[in-house]
């Protein structure tokens, strides 16, 4: 099975040394929600109407994808059109563990359980086979740092890394330059109009959702 945007994104966001996510849990979940939407969009299952986070997404083709993760995501979106931001948040819920389990089944990561201070159980996901992530990272770095032209798969990954501000966390280099290049890639003309419209809506929605969640968490801790 060809790796999905969702699987490759999570693989990139897991630190190769610690097995922990390089972004906070809220950002990870929303990035996964966005990635699922992009996987469906590239399979021509979704249509976008409108611009940015306020665009409405509609299931254009309910035919099964033969991928249980994507079919579950498609089912969650059935019915009335839904705003892109709402769709990201809807798919973010409960999707992290199935993706981690898929990567474990593929032999790319392994589940490691330890304890914090000997009291609290902590689960991390270090690599079982580091080669696929290393190759994926090489392809992303070639675009972000060396200016190579991305294919659609890598461009989609970079658009999501940009949305959760993770470029510099996985690729060595100047943070500002990496972010500027990622923004350029995310806005590029590397896909058809329908996919690009969905990508722009999802990217904007992930950014808005992450910002809103972070602001809410800060307000709650401050109150």
C-alpha atoms as a PDB file:
ATOM      1  CA  UNK A   1       0.000   0.000   0.000  1.00  0.00           C
ATOM      2  CA  UNK A   2       1.317   3.427  -0.918  1.00  0.00           C
ATOM      3  CA  UNK A   3       1.964   5.553   2.154  1.00  0.00           C
ATOM      4  CA  UNK A   4      -0.669   8.200   2.758  1.00  0.00           C
ATOM      5  CA  UNK A   5      -0.039  11.863   3.493  1.00  0.00           C
ATOM      6  CA  UNK A   6      -1.354  11.162   6.993  1.00  0.00           C
ATOM      7  CA  UNK A   7       1.060   8.326   7.721  1.00  0.00           C
ATOM      8  CA  UNK A   8       4.083  10.156   6.330  1.00  0.00           C
ATOM      9  CA  UNK A   9       3.215  13.337   8.215  1.00  0.00           C
ATOM     10  CA  UNK A  10       3.025  11.536  11.563  1.00  0.00           C
ATOM     11  CA  UNK A  11       6.261   9.687  10.788  1.00  0.00           C
ATOM     12  CA  UNK A  12       7.994  13.026  10.171  1.00  0.00           C
ATOM     13  CA  UNK A  13       6.580  14.589  13.326  1.00  0.00           C
ATOM     14  CA  UNK A  14       7.894  11.786  15.556  1.00  0.00           C
ATOM     15  CA  UNK A  15      11.411  12.584  16.759  1.00  0.00           C
ATOM     16  CA  UNK A  16      13.769   9.835  15.620  1.00  0.00           C
ATOM     17  CA  UNK A  17      15.598   9.853  18.943  1.00  0.00           C
ATOM     18  CA  UNK A  18      12.908  10.150  21.600  1.00  0.00           C
ATOM     19  CA  UNK A  19       9.880   8.807  19.751  1.00  0.00           C
ATOM     20  CA  UNK A  20       7.904  11.833  20.929  1.00  0.00           C
ATOM     21  CA  UNK A  21       6.009  14.272  18.739  1.00  0.00           C
ATOM     22  CA  UNK A  22       7.972  17.425  17.927  1.00  0.00           C
ATOM     23  CA  UNK A  23       4.745  19.454  18.195  1.00  0.00           C
ATOM     24  CA  UNK A  24       2.219  19.576  21.039  1.00  0.00           C
ATOM     25  CA  UNK A  25      -0.666  17.122  21.097  1.00  0.00           C
ATOM     26  CA  UNK A  26      -3.262  19.657  19.915  1.00  0.00           C
ATOM     27  CA  UNK A  27      -1.154  20.576  16.895  1.00  0.00           C
ATOM     28  CA  UNK A  28      -0.462  16.909  16.126  1.00  0.00           C
ATOM     29  CA  UNK A  29      -4.135  15.974  16.218  1.00  0.00           C
ATOM     30  CA  UNK A  30      -5.179  18.865  14.003  1.00  0.00           C
ATOM     31  CA  UNK A  31      -2.361  18.174  11.581  1.00  0.00           C
ATOM     32  CA  UNK A  32      -3.656  14.599  11.337  1.00  0.00           C
ATOM     33  CA  UNK A  33      -7.178  15.901  10.718  1.00  0.00           C
ATOM     34  CA  UNK A  34      -5.856  18.114   7.952  1.00  0.00           C
ATOM     35  CA  UNK A  35      -3.786  15.312   6.445  1.00  0.00           C
ATOM     36  CA  UNK A  36      -6.808  13.016   6.277  1.00  0.00           C
ATOM     37  CA  UNK A  37      -8.684  15.731   4.389  1.00  0.00           C
ATOM     38  CA  UNK A  38      -5.813  16.112   1.931  1.00  0.00           C
ATOM     39  CA  UNK A  39      -5.651  12.351   1.397  1.00  0.00           C
ATOM     40  CA  UNK A  40      -9.351  12.400   0.545  1.00  0.00           C
ATOM     41  CA  UNK A  41      -8.936  15.457  -1.690  1.00  0.00           C
ATOM     42  CA  UNK A  42      -6.149  13.893  -3.744  1.00  0.00           C
ATOM     43  CA  UNK A  43      -8.374  10.852  -4.222  1.00  0.00           C
ATOM     44  CA  UNK A  44     -11.084  13.190  -5.574  1.00  0.00           C
ATOM     45  CA  UNK A  45     -13.479  12.386  -2.738  1.00  0.00           C
ATOM     46  CA  UNK A  46     -13.987  16.004  -1.613  1.00  0.00           C
ATOM     47  CA  UNK A  47     -14.978  19.287  -3.233  1.00  0.00           C
ATOM     48  CA  UNK A  48     -14.304  22.733  -1.755  1.00  0.00           C
ATOM     49  CA  UNK A  49     -16.558  25.771  -2.133  1.00  0.00           C
ATOM     50  CA  UNK A  50     -15.255  29.103  -0.861  1.00  0.00           C
ATOM     51  CA  UNK A  51     -11.892  30.293   0.360  1.00  0.00           C
ATOM     52  CA  UNK A  52      -9.641  29.557   3.329  1.00  0.00           C
ATOM     53  CA  UNK A  53     -10.883  28.220   6.651  1.00  0.00           C
ATOM     54  CA  UNK A  54     -14.443  29.303   5.812  1.00  0.00           C
ATOM     55  CA  UNK A  55     -14.579  27.134   2.689  1.00  0.00           C
ATOM     56  CA  UNK A  56     -17.170  24.396   2.832  1.00  0.00           C
ATOM     57  CA  UNK A  57     -16.162  20.849   2.056  1.00  0.00           C
ATOM     58  CA  UNK A  58     -18.562  18.370   0.506  1.00  0.00           C
ATOM     59  CA  UNK A  59     -18.202  14.648  -0.122  1.00  0.00           C
ATOM     60  CA  UNK A  60     -18.098  14.527  -3.919  1.00  0.00           C
ATOM     61  CA  UNK A  61     -17.593  10.765  -4.147  1.00  0.00           C
ATOM     62  CA  UNK A  62     -18.524   8.395  -1.313  1.00  0.00           C
ATOM     63  CA  UNK A  63     -16.948   5.369  -2.996  1.00  0.00           C
ATOM     64  CA  UNK A  64     -14.729   3.473  -0.514  1.00  0.00           C
ATOM     65  CA  UNK A  65     -11.008   4.141  -0.833  1.00  0.00           C
ATOM     66  CA  UNK A  66      -9.995   0.632   0.338  1.00  0.00           C
ATOM     67  CA  UNK A  67      -8.123   2.299   3.198  1.00  0.00           C
ATOM     68  CA  UNK A  68      -9.947   1.862   6.547  1.00  0.00           C
ATOM     69  CA  UNK A  69      -8.531   5.111   7.973  1.00  0.00           C
ATOM     70  CA  UNK A  70      -9.690   7.163   5.010  1.00  0.00           C
ATOM     71  CA  UNK A  71     -13.028   5.392   4.745  1.00  0.00           C
ATOM     72  CA  UNK A  72     -13.723   6.215   8.399  1.00  0.00           C
ATOM     73  CA  UNK A  73     -12.801   9.861   7.732  1.00  0.00           C
ATOM     74  CA  UNK A  74     -15.066   9.916   4.684  1.00  0.00           C
ATOM     75  CA  UNK A  75     -17.961   8.560   6.733  1.00  0.00           C
ATOM     76  CA  UNK A  76     -17.489  11.311   9.314  1.00  0.00           C
ATOM     77  CA  UNK A  77     -17.914  13.922   6.595  1.00  0.00           C
ATOM     78  CA  UNK A  78     -21.051  12.490   5.023  1.00  0.00           C
ATOM     79  CA  UNK A  79     -24.156  14.630   5.025  1.00  0.00           C
ATOM     80  CA  UNK A  80     -24.315  18.395   4.757  1.00  0.00           C
ATOM     81  CA  UNK A  81     -21.331  20.495   3.623  1.00  0.00           C
ATOM     82  CA  UNK A  82     -19.051  21.367   6.534  1.00  0.00           C
ATOM     83  CA  UNK A  83     -16.673  24.280   7.017  1.00  0.00           C
ATOM     84  CA  UNK A  84     -13.067  23.285   6.473  1.00  0.00           C
ATOM     85  CA  UNK A  85     -12.041  24.252  10.000  1.00  0.00           C
ATOM     86  CA  UNK A  86     -14.876  22.185  11.469  1.00  0.00           C
ATOM     87  CA  UNK A  87     -13.894  19.253   9.240  1.00  0.00           C
ATOM     88  CA  UNK A  88     -10.301  19.411  10.493  1.00  0.00           C
ATOM     89  CA  UNK A  89     -11.458  19.355  14.110  1.00  0.00           C
ATOM     90  CA  UNK A  90     -13.967  16.572  13.441  1.00  0.00           C
ATOM     91  CA  UNK A  91     -11.336  14.317  11.890  1.00  0.00           C
ATOM     92  CA  UNK A  92      -8.728  15.212  14.513  1.00  0.00           C
ATOM     93  CA  UNK A  93     -10.704  13.471  17.244  1.00  0.00           C
ATOM     94  CA  UNK A  94      -9.633   9.907  17.878  1.00  0.00           C
ATOM     95  CA  UNK A  95      -7.473   9.602  14.764  1.00  0.00           C
ATOM     96  CA  UNK A  96      -4.006   9.704  16.300  1.00  0.00           C
ATOM     97  CA  UNK A  97      -3.891   6.170  17.725  1.00  0.00           C
ATOM     98  CA  UNK A  98      -5.132   4.403  14.556  1.00  0.00           C
ATOM     99  CA  UNK A  99      -2.382   6.153  12.560  1.00  0.00           C
ATOM    100  CA  UNK A 100       0.290   5.206  15.116  1.00  0.00           C
ATOM    101  CA  UNK A 101      -0.963   1.618  15.078  1.00  0.00           C
ATOM    102  CA  UNK A 102      -0.818   1.585  11.264  1.00  0.00           C
ATOM    103  CA  UNK A 103       2.804   2.754  11.349  1.00  0.00           C
ATOM    104  CA  UNK A 104       3.558   0.076  13.951  1.00  0.00           C
ATOM    105  CA  UNK A 105       1.967  -2.607  11.789  1.00  0.00           C
ATOM    106  CA  UNK A 106       4.118  -1.459   8.880  1.00  0.00           C
ATOM    107  CA  UNK A 107       7.222  -1.963  11.054  1.00  0.00           C
ATOM    108  CA  UNK A 108       8.231   1.704  10.939  1.00  0.00           C
ATOM    109  CA  UNK A 109       7.821   2.538  14.630  1.00  0.00           C
ATOM    110  CA  UNK A 110       7.404   0.581  17.842  1.00  0.00           C
ATOM    111  CA  UNK A 111       5.398   1.265  20.954  1.00  0.00           C
ATOM    112  CA  UNK A 112       7.558   1.874  24.048  1.00  0.00           C
ATOM    113  CA  UNK A 113       6.017   2.258  27.486  1.00  0.00           C
ATOM    114  CA  UNK A 114       8.017   3.644  30.402  1.00  0.00           C
ATOM    115  CA  UNK A 115       7.217   5.553  33.566  1.00  0.00           C
ATOM    116  CA  UNK A 116       7.795   9.138  34.632  1.00  0.00           C
ATOM    117  CA  UNK A 117       9.246   9.380  38.149  1.00  0.00           C
ATOM    118  CA  UNK A 118       8.329   5.727  38.504  1.00  0.00           C
ATOM    119  CA  UNK A 119       4.674   6.705  38.764  1.00  0.00           C
ATOM    120  CA  UNK A 120       3.124   7.886  35.525  1.00  0.00           C
ATOM    121  CA  UNK A 121       3.074   5.674  32.415  1.00  0.00           C
ATOM    122  CA  UNK A 122       4.533   7.339  29.315  1.00  0.00           C
ATOM    123  CA  UNK A 123       4.189   5.977  25.786  1.00  0.00           C
ATOM    124  CA  UNK A 124       6.612   6.942  23.036  1.00  0.00           C
ATOM    125  CA  UNK A 125       6.966   5.740  19.448  1.00  0.00           C
ATOM    126  CA  UNK A 126      10.657   5.389  18.493  1.00  0.00           C
ATOM    127  CA  UNK A 127      11.610   4.101  15.042  1.00  0.00           C
ATOM    128  CA  UNK A 128      11.701   0.375  14.399  1.00  0.00           C
ATOM    129  CA  UNK A 129      13.092   0.955  10.911  1.00  0.00           C
ATOM    130  CA  UNK A 130      14.688   4.414  10.615  1.00  0.00           C
ATOM    131  CA  UNK A 131      15.382   4.215   6.869  1.00  0.00           C
ATOM    132  CA  UNK A 132      11.918   5.221   5.511  1.00  0.00           C
ATOM    133  CA  UNK A 133      11.726   8.305   7.744  1.00  0.00           C
ATOM    134  CA  UNK A 134      15.285   9.272   6.843  1.00  0.00           C
ATOM    135  CA  UNK A 135      14.477   9.073   3.142  1.00  0.00           C
ATOM    136  CA  UNK A 136      11.268  11.055   3.601  1.00  0.00           C
ATOM    137  CA  UNK A 137      13.149  13.677   5.580  1.00  0.00           C
ATOM    138  CA  UNK A 138      15.798  13.866   2.862  1.00  0.00           C
ATOM    139  CA  UNK A 139      13.115  14.617   0.266  1.00  0.00           C
ATOM    140  CA  UNK A 140      11.538  17.335   2.436  1.00  0.00           C
ATOM    141  CA  UNK A 141      14.927  18.894   3.236  1.00  0.00           C
ATOM    142  CA  UNK A 142      15.870  18.935  -0.459  1.00  0.00           C
ATOM    143  CA  UNK A 143      12.843  21.142  -1.110  1.00  0.00           C
ATOM    144  CA  UNK A 144      12.995  23.352   1.992  1.00  0.00           C
ATOM    145  CA  UNK A 145      16.749  23.813   2.270  1.00  0.00           C
ATOM    146  CA  UNK A 146      18.106  23.145  -1.200  1.00  0.00           C
ATOM    147  CA  UNK A 147      15.310  24.635  -3.276  1.00  0.00           C
ATOM    148  CA  UNK A 148      14.360  21.537  -5.251  1.00  0.00           C
ATOM    149  CA  UNK A 149      10.951  21.428  -6.888  1.00  0.00           C
ATOM    150  CA  UNK A 150       8.561  19.234  -4.880  1.00  0.00           C
ATOM    151  CA  UNK A 151       6.261  16.555  -6.182  1.00  0.00           C
ATOM    152  CA  UNK A 152       2.657  16.745  -5.003  1.00  0.00           C
ATOM    153  CA  UNK A 153       3.165  14.337  -2.081  1.00  0.00           C
ATOM    154  CA  UNK A 154       6.067  16.281  -0.595  1.00  0.00           C
ATOM    155  CA  UNK A 155       4.366  19.623  -1.263  1.00  0.00           C
ATOM    156  CA  UNK A 156       1.307  18.464   0.684  1.00  0.00           C
ATOM    157  CA  UNK A 157       3.473  17.352   3.586  1.00  0.00           C
ATOM    158  CA  UNK A 158       5.270  20.687   3.628  1.00  0.00           C
ATOM    159  CA  UNK A 159       1.967  22.600   3.551  1.00  0.00           C
ATOM    160  CA  UNK A 160       0.938  20.812   6.769  1.00  0.00           C
ATOM    161  CA  UNK A 161       4.349  21.174   8.424  1.00  0.00           C
ATOM    162  CA  UNK A 162       4.043  24.888   7.693  1.00  0.00           C
ATOM    163  CA  UNK A 163       0.543  25.004   9.196  1.00  0.00           C
ATOM    164  CA  UNK A 164       1.803  23.665  12.554  1.00  0.00           C
ATOM    165  CA  UNK A 165       5.101  25.603  12.399  1.00  0.00           C
ATOM    166  CA  UNK A 166       7.224  22.470  12.434  1.00  0.00           C
ATOM    167  CA  UNK A 167       9.616  23.059   9.518  1.00  0.00           C
ATOM    168  CA  UNK A 168      12.622  23.930  11.678  1.00  0.00           C
ATOM    169  CA  UNK A 169      11.830  21.117  14.112  1.00  0.00           C
ATOM    170  CA  UNK A 170      12.544  18.417  11.565  1.00  0.00           C
ATOM    171  CA  UNK A 171      14.910  20.097   9.084  1.00  0.00           C
ATOM    172  CA  UNK A 172      18.189  21.738  10.129  1.00  0.00           C
ATOM    173  CA  UNK A 173      18.602  25.289   8.886  1.00  0.00           C
ATOM    174  CA  UNK A 174      17.646  28.901   9.431  1.00  0.00           C
ATOM    175  CA  UNK A 175      14.158  28.971  10.931  1.00  0.00           C
ATOM    176  CA  UNK A 176      13.005  32.069   9.069  1.00  0.00           C
ATOM    177  CA  UNK A 177      14.330  30.844   5.730  1.00  0.00           C
ATOM    178  CA  UNK A 178      12.783  27.389   6.157  1.00  0.00           C
ATOM    179  CA  UNK A 179       9.429  28.932   7.031  1.00  0.00           C
ATOM    180  CA  UNK A 180       9.540  31.322   4.075  1.00  0.00           C
ATOM    181  CA  UNK A 181      10.348  28.468   1.696  1.00  0.00           C
ATOM    182  CA  UNK A 182       7.566  26.296   3.162  1.00  0.00           C
ATOM    183  CA  UNK A 183       5.084  29.136   2.675  1.00  0.00           C
ATOM    184  CA  UNK A 184       6.208  29.462  -0.934  1.00  0.00           C
ATOM    185  CA  UNK A 185       5.769  25.728  -1.524  1.00  0.00           C
ATOM    186  CA  UNK A 186       2.348  25.689   0.141  1.00  0.00           C
ATOM    187  CA  UNK A 187       1.161  28.431  -2.197  1.00  0.00           C
ATOM    188  CA  UNK A 188       2.667  26.853  -5.317  1.00  0.00           C
ATOM    189  CA  UNK A 189       0.984  25.573  -8.468  1.00  0.00           C
ATOM    190  CA  UNK A 190       1.862  21.887  -8.105  1.00  0.00           C
ATOM    191  CA  UNK A 191      -1.628  20.386  -8.251  1.00  0.00           C
ATOM    192  CA  UNK A 192      -4.860  20.790 -10.149  1.00  0.00           C
ATOM    193  CA  UNK A 193      -7.262  23.624  -9.238  1.00  0.00           C
ATOM    194  CA  UNK A 194      -9.658  21.418  -7.256  1.00  0.00           C
ATOM    195  CA  UNK A 195      -6.920  19.890  -5.097  1.00  0.00           C
ATOM    196  CA  UNK A 196      -5.186  23.234  -4.608  1.00  0.00           C
ATOM    197  CA  UNK A 197      -8.410  24.829  -3.414  1.00  0.00           C
ATOM    198  CA  UNK A 198      -8.901  22.061  -0.854  1.00  0.00           C
ATOM    199  CA  UNK A 199      -5.243  22.283   0.204  1.00  0.00           C
ATOM    200  CA  UNK A 200      -5.497  26.018   0.803  1.00  0.00           C
ATOM    201  CA  UNK A 201      -8.698  25.560   2.786  1.00  0.00           C
ATOM    202  CA  UNK A 202      -7.212  22.780   4.909  1.00  0.00           C
ATOM    203  CA  UNK A 203      -3.933  24.586   5.510  1.00  0.00           C
ATOM    204  CA  UNK A 204      -5.737  27.736   6.646  1.00  0.00           C
ATOM    205  CA  UNK A 205      -8.058  25.655   8.817  1.00  0.00           C
ATOM    206  CA  UNK A 206      -5.232  23.788  10.571  1.00  0.00           C
ATOM    207  CA  UNK A 207      -3.533  27.104  11.328  1.00  0.00           C
ATOM    208  CA  UNK A 208      -6.753  28.599  12.710  1.00  0.00           C
ATOM    209  CA  UNK A 209      -7.609  25.472  14.712  1.00  0.00           C
ATOM    210  CA  UNK A 210      -4.143  25.242  16.270  1.00  0.00           C
ATOM    211  CA  UNK A 211      -4.132  28.945  17.149  1.00  0.00           C
ATOM    212  CA  UNK A 212      -7.622  28.753  18.640  1.00  0.00           C
ATOM    213  CA  UNK A 213      -6.762  25.653  20.695  1.00  0.00           C
ATOM    214  CA  UNK A 214      -3.525  27.195  21.961  1.00  0.00           C
ATOM    215  CA  UNK A 215      -5.286  30.426  22.918  1.00  0.00           C
ATOM    216  CA  UNK A 216      -8.023  28.511  24.729  1.00  0.00           C
ATOM    217  CA  UNK A 217      -5.486  26.420  26.630  1.00  0.00           C
ATOM    218  CA  UNK A 218      -3.564  29.526  27.652  1.00  0.00           C
ATOM    219  CA  UNK A 219      -6.738  31.245  28.842  1.00  0.00           C
ATOM    220  CA  UNK A 220      -7.752  28.171  30.824  1.00  0.00           C
ATOM    221  CA  UNK A 221      -4.389  27.851  32.559  1.00  0.00           C
ATOM    222  CA  UNK A 222      -4.363  31.559  33.286  1.00  0.00           C
ATOM    223  CA  UNK A 223      -7.828  31.526  34.759  1.00  0.00           C
END
